[in-house]
PDB file of N, CA and C in Angstrom:
ATOM      1  N   MET A   1     -92.458  39.656  14.335  1.00  0.00           N
ATOM      2  CA  MET A   1     -92.790  39.626  15.931  1.00  0.00           C
ATOM      3  C   MET A   1     -93.764  40.633  16.016  1.00  0.00           C
ATOM      4  N   LYS A   2     -94.185  41.096  16.914  1.00  0.00           N
ATOM      5  CA  LYS A   2     -95.560  41.889  16.962  1.00  0.00           C
ATOM      6  C   LYS A   2     -94.372  43.725  17.925  1.00  0.00           C
ATOM      7  N   LYS A   3     -95.675  44.634  17.847  1.00  0.00           N
ATOM      8  CA  LYS A   3     -94.753  45.497  18.025  1.00  0.00           C
ATOM      9  C   LYS A   3     -93.995  46.001  19.133  1.00  0.00           C
ATOM     10  N   ARG A   4     -95.023  45.628  19.857  1.00  0.00           N
ATOM     11  CA  ARG A   4     -95.446  45.093  21.400  1.00  0.00           C
ATOM     12  C   ARG A   4     -94.032  44.628  21.926  1.00  0.00           C
ATOM     13  N   GLN A   5     -93.441  43.300  21.515  1.00  0.00           N
ATOM     14  CA  GLN A   5     -92.695  42.223  21.887  1.00  0.00           C
ATOM     15  C   GLN A   5     -91.368  43.391  21.397  1.00  0.00           C
ATOM     16  N   LEU A   6     -91.211  43.609  20.126  1.00  0.00           N
ATOM     17  CA  LEU A   6     -90.022  44.827  19.851  1.00  0.00           C
ATOM     18  C   LEU A   6     -89.768  45.918  20.920  1.00  0.00           C
ATOM     19  N   LYS A   7     -91.132  46.872  20.955  1.00  0.00           N
ATOM     20  CA  LYS A   7     -90.430  47.630  22.500  1.00  0.00           C
ATOM     21  C   LYS A   7     -90.156  47.107  23.554  1.00  0.00           C
ATOM     22  N   PHE A   8     -90.622  45.883  24.042  1.00  0.00           N
ATOM     23  CA  PHE A   8     -89.717  45.124  25.219  1.00  0.00           C
ATOM     24  C   PHE A   8     -88.689  44.851  25.323  1.00  0.00           C
ATOM     25  N   ILE A   9     -88.131  43.954  24.246  1.00  0.00           N
ATOM     26  CA  ILE A   9     -87.334  44.029  24.253  1.00  0.00           C
ATOM     27  C   ILE A   9     -86.162  44.616  23.993  1.00  0.00           C
ATOM     28  N   PHE A  10     -86.099  46.080  23.206  1.00  0.00           N
ATOM     29  CA  PHE A  10     -85.268  46.983  23.554  1.00  0.00           C
ATOM     30  C   PHE A  10     -85.215  47.676  24.814  1.00  0.00           C
ATOM     31  N   ALA A  11     -86.728  47.939  25.178  1.00  0.00           N
ATOM     32  CA  ALA A  11     -86.267  48.558  26.673  1.00  0.00           C
ATOM     33  C   ALA A  11     -85.137  48.085  27.416  1.00  0.00           C
ATOM     34  N   LEU A  12     -85.880  46.152  27.569  1.00  0.00           N
ATOM     35  CA  LEU A  12     -85.204  45.537  28.143  1.00  0.00           C
ATOM     36  C   LEU A  12     -83.886  45.841  27.977  1.00  0.00           C
ATOM     37  N   THR A  13     -83.542  46.048  27.067  1.00  0.00           N
ATOM     38  CA  THR A  13     -81.812  45.355  26.532  1.00  0.00           C
ATOM     39  C   THR A  13     -81.229  46.875  26.709  1.00  0.00           C
ATOM     40  N   PHE A  14     -81.954  48.674  26.912  1.00  0.00           N
ATOM     41  CA  PHE A  14     -81.358  49.735  26.704  1.00  0.00           C
ATOM     42  C   PHE A  14     -81.158  49.551  28.583  1.00  0.00           C
ATOM     43  N   LEU A  15     -81.931  49.417  29.008  1.00  0.00           N
ATOM     44  CA  LEU A  15     -82.614  49.173  30.709  1.00  0.00           C
ATOM     45  C   LEU A  15     -80.972  48.164  31.305  1.00  0.00           C
ATOM     46  N   SER A  16     -80.863  47.356  30.716  1.00  0.00           N
ATOM     47  CA  SER A  16     -79.780  46.454  31.138  1.00  0.00           C
ATOM     48  C   SER A  16     -78.494  47.292  30.585  1.00  0.00           C
ATOM     49  N   CYS A  17     -78.662  47.558  29.969  1.00  0.00           N
ATOM     50  CA  CYS A  17     -76.906  48.053  29.456  1.00  0.00           C
ATOM     51  C   CYS A  17     -76.844  48.748  30.239  1.00  0.00           C
ATOM     52  N   ILE A  18     -77.691  50.405  30.717  1.00  0.00           N
ATOM     53  CA  ILE A  18     -77.116  51.502  31.820  1.00  0.00           C
ATOM     54  C   ILE A  18     -77.045  50.707  32.673  1.00  0.00           C
ATOM     55  N   ILE A  19     -78.098  49.350  33.264  1.00  0.00           N
ATOM     56  CA  ILE A  19     -77.385  48.734  34.651  1.00  0.00           C
ATOM     57  C   ILE A  19     -76.288  48.446  34.725  1.00  0.00           C
ATOM     58  N   TRP A  20     -75.592  47.874  33.677  1.00  0.00           N
ATOM     59  CA  TRP A  20     -74.273  47.332  33.441  1.00  0.00           C
ATOM     60  C   TRP A  20     -73.298  48.381  33.788  1.00  0.00           C
ATOM     61  N   ILE A  21     -73.214  49.146  32.894  1.00  0.00           N
ATOM     62  CA  ILE A  21     -72.582  50.322  32.644  1.00  0.00           C
ATOM     63  C   ILE A  21     -72.590  51.039  34.174  1.00  0.00           C
ATOM     64  N   VAL A  22     -73.186  51.587  34.775  1.00  0.00           N
ATOM     65  CA  VAL A  22     -72.790  52.241  35.928  1.00  0.00           C
ATOM     66  C   VAL A  22     -72.133  51.357  36.965  1.00  0.00           C
ATOM     67  N   GLY A  23     -72.670  49.817  36.821  1.00  0.00           N
ATOM     68  CA  GLY A  23     -72.197  49.013  38.034  1.00  0.00           C
ATOM     69  C   GLY A  23     -70.705  48.387  37.508  1.00  0.00           C
ATOM     70  N   GLU A  24     -70.864  48.860  36.547  1.00  0.00           N
ATOM     71  CA  GLU A  24     -68.707  48.936  35.979  1.00  0.00           C
ATOM     72  C   GLU A  24     -67.811  49.814  36.295  1.00  0.00           C
ATOM     73  N   PHE A  25     -69.086  50.963  35.938  1.00  0.00           N
ATOM     74  CA  PHE A  25     -68.171  52.368  36.647  1.00  0.00           C
ATOM     75  C   PHE A  25     -67.856  52.227  38.212  1.00  0.00           C
ATOM     76  N   ILE A  26     -68.891  51.495  38.889  1.00  0.00           N
ATOM     77  CA  ILE A  26     -68.424  51.563  40.378  1.00  0.00           C
ATOM     78  C   ILE A  26     -67.921  51.247  40.403  1.00  0.00           C
ATOM     79  N   ILE A  27     -67.660  49.209  40.147  1.00  0.00           N
ATOM     80  CA  ILE A  27     -66.916  48.654  40.074  1.00  0.00           C
ATOM     81  C   ILE A  27     -64.964  48.889  39.622  1.00  0.00           C
ATOM     82  N   GLY A  28     -65.270  50.022  38.504  1.00  0.00           N
ATOM     83  CA  GLY A  28     -63.573  50.118  38.184  1.00  0.00           C
ATOM     84  C   GLY A  28     -63.480  51.419  39.459  1.00  0.00           C
ATOM     85  N   GLU A  29     -64.261  52.569  39.556  1.00  0.00           N
ATOM     86  CA  GLU A  29     -64.427  53.375  40.523  1.00  0.00           C
ATOM     87  C   GLU A  29     -63.490  52.884  42.055  1.00  0.00           C
ATOM     88  N   LEU A  30     -64.260  51.925  42.508  1.00  0.00           N
ATOM     89  CA  LEU A  30     -64.398  51.280  43.914  1.00  0.00           C
ATOM     90  C   LEU A  30     -63.244  50.503  43.772  1.00  0.00           C
ATOM     91  N   LEU A  31     -63.739  49.056  43.364  1.00  0.00           N
ATOM     92  CA  LEU A  31     -62.780  48.176  43.218  1.00  0.00           C
ATOM     93  C   LEU A  31     -61.484  47.825  42.858  1.00  0.00           C
ATOM     94  N   ASN A  32     -61.874  47.713  41.097  1.00  0.00           N
ATOM     95  CA  ASN A  32     -60.504  48.063  40.099  1.00  0.00           C
ATOM     96  C   ASN A  32     -60.212  46.729  40.244  1.00  0.00           C
ATOM     97  N   ASN A  33     -61.158  45.482  39.936  1.00  0.00           N
ATOM     98  CA  ASN A  33     -60.539  44.741  39.918  1.00  0.00           C
ATOM     99  C   ASN A  33     -61.796  43.316  38.886  1.00  0.00           C
ATOM    100  N   PHE A  34     -60.900  43.123  37.839  1.00  0.00           N
ATOM    101  CA  PHE A  34     -61.334  42.365  36.826  1.00  0.00           C
ATOM    102  C   PHE A  34     -62.553  41.424  37.334  1.00  0.00           C
ATOM    103  N   ALA A  35     -61.475  40.183  38.455  1.00  0.00           N
ATOM    104  CA  ALA A  35     -62.998  38.847  38.288  1.00  0.00           C
ATOM    105  C   ALA A  35     -64.365  39.709  38.790  1.00  0.00           C
ATOM    106  N   VAL A  36     -64.140  40.185  39.524  1.00  0.00           N
ATOM    107  CA  VAL A  36     -65.786  41.314  40.022  1.00  0.00           C
ATOM    108  C   VAL A  36     -66.344  41.978  39.292  1.00  0.00           C
ATOM    109  N   SER A  37     -65.717  42.119  37.830  1.00  0.00           N
ATOM    110  CA  SER A  37     -66.026  42.762  37.102  1.00  0.00           C
ATOM    111  C   SER A  37     -66.550  41.955  35.976  1.00  0.00           C
ATOM    112  N   VAL A  38     -65.989  40.522  35.569  1.00  0.00           N
ATOM    113  CA  VAL A  38     -66.740  39.721  34.579  1.00  0.00           C
ATOM    114  C   VAL A  38     -67.282  38.570  35.605  1.00  0.00           C
ATOM    115  N   VAL A  39     -67.041  38.812  37.153  1.00  0.00           N
ATOM    116  CA  VAL A  39     -68.516  37.758  37.720  1.00  0.00           C
ATOM    117  C   VAL A  39     -70.300  39.200  37.370  1.00  0.00           C
ATOM    118  N   TRP A  40     -69.506  40.297  37.569  1.00  0.00           N
ATOM    119  CA  TRP A  40     -71.042  41.430  37.540  1.00  0.00           C
ATOM    120  C   TRP A  40     -71.543  41.224  35.982  1.00  0.00           C
ATOM    121  N   ALA A  41     -70.378  41.125  34.882  1.00  0.00           N
ATOM    122  CA  ALA A  41     -71.361  41.108  33.450  1.00  0.00           C
ATOM    123  C   ALA A  41     -72.086  40.036  33.369  1.00  0.00           C
ATOM    124  N   ILE A  42     -71.479  38.810  34.178  1.00  0.00           N
ATOM    125  CA  ILE A  42     -72.067  37.402  33.409  1.00  0.00           C
ATOM    126  C   ILE A  42     -73.113  37.560  34.548  1.00  0.00           C
ATOM    127  N   ILE A  43     -73.210  38.395  35.460  1.00  0.00           N
ATOM    128  CA  ILE A  43     -74.579  38.234  36.692  1.00  0.00           C
ATOM    129  C   ILE A  43     -75.805  39.261  35.738  1.00  0.00           C
ATOM    130  N   CYS A  44     -75.181  40.164  34.926  1.00  0.00           N
ATOM    131  CA  CYS A  44     -75.781  41.189  34.253  1.00  0.00           C
ATOM    132  C   CYS A  44     -77.119  40.504  33.290  1.00  0.00           C
ATOM    133  N   LEU A  45     -75.914  39.952  32.182  1.00  0.00           N
ATOM    134  CA  LEU A  45     -76.653  38.716  31.680  1.00  0.00           C
ATOM    135  C   LEU A  45     -77.664  37.933  31.521  1.00  0.00           C
ATOM    136  N   THR A  46     -76.998  37.074  32.943  1.00  0.00           N
ATOM    137  CA  THR A  46     -78.131  36.307  33.521  1.00  0.00           C
ATOM    138  C   THR A  46     -79.874  37.235  33.354  1.00  0.00           C
ATOM    139  N   ALA A  47     -79.826  37.730  34.901  1.00  0.00           N
ATOM    140  CA  ALA A  47     -80.567  38.381  35.294  1.00  0.00           C
ATOM    141  C   ALA A  47     -81.492  38.843  34.011  1.00  0.00           C
ATOM    142  N   CYS A  48     -80.871  39.454  32.896  1.00  0.00           N
ATOM    143  CA  CYS A  48     -81.689  40.024  31.775  1.00  0.00           C
ATOM    144  C   CYS A  48     -81.954  38.616  31.054  1.00  0.00           C
ATOM    145  N   CYS A  49     -81.509  38.013  30.642  1.00  0.00           N
ATOM    146  CA  CYS A  49     -82.164  36.375  30.233  1.00  0.00           C
ATOM    147  C   CYS A  49     -82.959  36.066  30.972  1.00  0.00           C
ATOM    148  N   ALA A  50     -83.039  35.496  31.934  1.00  0.00           N
ATOM    149  CA  ALA A  50     -84.205  35.310  32.894  1.00  0.00           C
ATOM    150  C   ALA A  50     -85.705  35.893  33.056  1.00  0.00           C
ATOM    151  N   TYR A  51     -85.179  37.338  33.175  1.00  0.00           N
ATOM    152  CA  TYR A  51     -86.473  38.263  33.424  1.00  0.00           C
ATOM    153  C   TYR A  51     -86.759  38.268  31.999  1.00  0.00           C
ATOM    154  N   SER A  52     -86.169  38.501  30.705  1.00  0.00           N
ATOM    155  CA  SER A  52     -86.702  38.492  29.185  1.00  0.00           C
ATOM    156  C   SER A  52     -87.930  37.113  28.951  1.00  0.00           C
ATOM    157  N   LEU A  53     -86.886  35.759  29.814  1.00  0.00           N
ATOM    158  CA  LEU A  53     -87.991  34.567  29.724  1.00  0.00           C
ATOM    159  C   LEU A  53     -88.896  34.720  30.249  1.00  0.00           C
ATOM    160  N   TRP A  54     -88.922  34.848  31.199  1.00  0.00           N
ATOM    161  CA  TRP A  54     -90.386  35.289  32.474  1.00  0.00           C
ATOM    162  C   TRP A  54     -91.445  36.237  31.791  1.00  0.00           C
ATOM    163  N   LYS A  55     -91.101  37.373  31.931  1.00  0.00           N
ATOM    164  CA  LYS A  55     -92.245  38.915  31.132  1.00  0.00           C
ATOM    165  C   LYS A  55     -92.507  38.839  30.189  1.00  0.00           C
ATOM    166  N   CYS A  56     -91.514  37.599  29.306  1.00  0.00           N
ATOM    167  CA  CYS A  56     -91.775  38.492  27.959  1.00  0.00           C
ATOM    168  C   CYS A  56     -93.398  38.509  27.288  1.00  0.00           C
ATOM    169  N   PRO A  57     -93.463  39.424  26.349  1.00  0.00           N
ATOM    170  CA  PRO A  57     -95.148  39.104  26.162  1.00  0.00           C
ATOM    171  C   PRO A  57     -96.085  38.400  25.593  1.00  0.00           C
ATOM    172  N   ARG A  58     -96.240  38.035  25.321  1.00  0.00           N
ATOM    173  CA  ARG A  58     -97.174  36.567  24.467  1.00  0.00           C
ATOM    174  C   ARG A  58     -98.143  37.231  23.114  1.00  0.00           C
ATOM    175  N   ASN A  59     -98.286  36.188  22.348  1.00  0.00           N
ATOM    176  CA  ASN A  59     -98.577  36.770  21.543  1.00  0.00           C
ATOM    177  C   ASN A  59     -99.857  36.517  21.622  1.00  0.00           C
ATOM    178  N   PRO A  60    -101.487  37.522  21.650  1.00  0.00           N
ATOM    179  CA  PRO A  60    -102.026  37.827  22.464  1.00  0.00           C
ATOM    180  C   PRO A  60    -103.375  36.943  21.767  1.00  0.00           C
ATOM    181  N   ASP A  61    -102.963  36.532  19.840  1.00  0.00           N
ATOM    182  CA  ASP A  61    -103.600  36.380  18.985  1.00  0.00           C
ATOM    183  C   ASP A  61    -104.281  34.709  19.848  1.00  0.00           C
ATOM    184  N   GLU A  62    -102.528  34.249  19.847  1.00  0.00           N
ATOM    185  CA  GLU A  62    -102.332  32.445  20.055  1.00  0.00           C
ATOM    186  C   GLU A  62    -103.413  31.785  21.300  1.00  0.00           C
ATOM    187  N   ASP A  63    -103.228  33.280  23.008  1.00  0.00           N
ATOM    188  CA  ASP A  63    -103.748  33.187  23.766  1.00  0.00           C
ATOM    189  C   ASP A  63    -105.185  33.624  23.865  1.00  0.00           C
ATOM    190  N   GLU A  64    -105.770  34.852  23.116  1.00  0.00           N
ATOM    191  CA  GLU A  64    -107.109  34.592  22.681  1.00  0.00           C
ATOM    192  C   GLU A  64    -108.111  33.067  22.347  1.00  0.00           C
ATOM    193  N   GLU A  65    -107.371  32.702  21.287  1.00  0.00           N
ATOM    194  CA  GLU A  65    -107.448  31.420  20.100  1.00  0.00           C
ATOM    195  C   GLU A  65    -107.572  29.881  21.703  1.00  0.00           C
ATOM    196  N   THR A  66    -107.183  30.338  21.896  1.00  0.00           N
ATOM    197  CA  THR A  66    -106.750  29.140  22.994  1.00  0.00           C
ATOM    198  C   THR A  66    -107.775  29.149  24.408  1.00  0.00           C
ATOM    199  N   SER A  67    -107.982  30.606  24.528  1.00  0.00           N
ATOM    200  CA  SER A  67    -109.229  30.499  25.762  1.00  0.00           C
ATOM    201  C   SER A  67    -110.270  30.443  24.399  1.00  0.00           C
ATOM    202  N   GLN A  68    -110.615  30.561  23.093  1.00  0.00           N
ATOM    203  CA  GLN A  68    -111.769  30.236  22.555  1.00  0.00           C
ATOM    204  C   GLN A  68    -111.916  28.645  22.283  1.00  0.00           C
ATOM    205  N   LYS A  69    -111.104  27.983  22.147  1.00  0.00           N
ATOM    206  CA  LYS A  69    -111.514  26.430  22.030  1.00  0.00           C
ATOM    207  C   LYS A  69    -112.021  25.940  23.545  1.00  0.00           C
ATOM    208  N   GLN A  70    -111.034  26.094  24.408  1.00  0.00           N
ATOM    209  CA  GLN A  70    -111.826  25.699  26.148  1.00  0.00           C
ATOM    210  C   GLN A  70    -113.056  26.441  26.096  1.00  0.00           C
ATOM    211  N   HIS A  71    -113.086  27.608  25.720  1.00  0.00           N
ATOM    212  CA  HIS A  71    -114.595  27.882  26.426  1.00  0.00           C
ATOM    213  C   HIS A  71    -115.649  26.919  25.863  1.00  0.00           C
ATOM    214  N   LYS A  72    -115.407  26.947  24.550  1.00  0.00           N
ATOM    215  CA  LYS A  72    -116.514  26.073  23.452  1.00  0.00           C
ATOM    216  C   LYS A  72    -116.155  24.858  24.405  1.00  0.00           C
ATOM    217  N   GLU A  73    -115.261  24.268  23.963  1.00  0.00           N
ATOM    218  CA  GLU A  73    -115.193  22.842  24.958  1.00  0.00           C
ATOM    219  C   GLU A  73    -115.998  22.319  26.126  1.00  0.00           C
ATOM    220  N   ASP A  74    -115.778  23.376  27.405  1.00  0.00           N
ATOM    221  CA  ASP A  74    -116.478  23.781  28.109  1.00  0.00           C
ATOM    222  C   ASP A  74    -117.785  23.579  28.198  1.00  0.00           C
ATOM    223  N   LYS A  75    -118.825  23.963  26.645  1.00  0.00           N
ATOM    224  CA  LYS A  75    -119.871  24.223  26.827  1.00  0.00           C
ATOM    225  C   LYS A  75    -120.510  22.513  26.637  1.00  0.00           C
TER     226      LYS A  75
END
């Protein structure tokens, strides 16, 4: 893995943990409902995974090679 990909993964994990903890705190203080807490955890996990798959940094070396091959084929 590239350094850029690791930074993205760690930043996304940190941010999602902060959002999850804040949400759990609010749920605990205002609602005190276990079912809502479980649903909140599932939503946070799903959103984190979906965003990670959508915005994950690609390997720039592979993208560059693919672009060069396509450019040569076009000529």
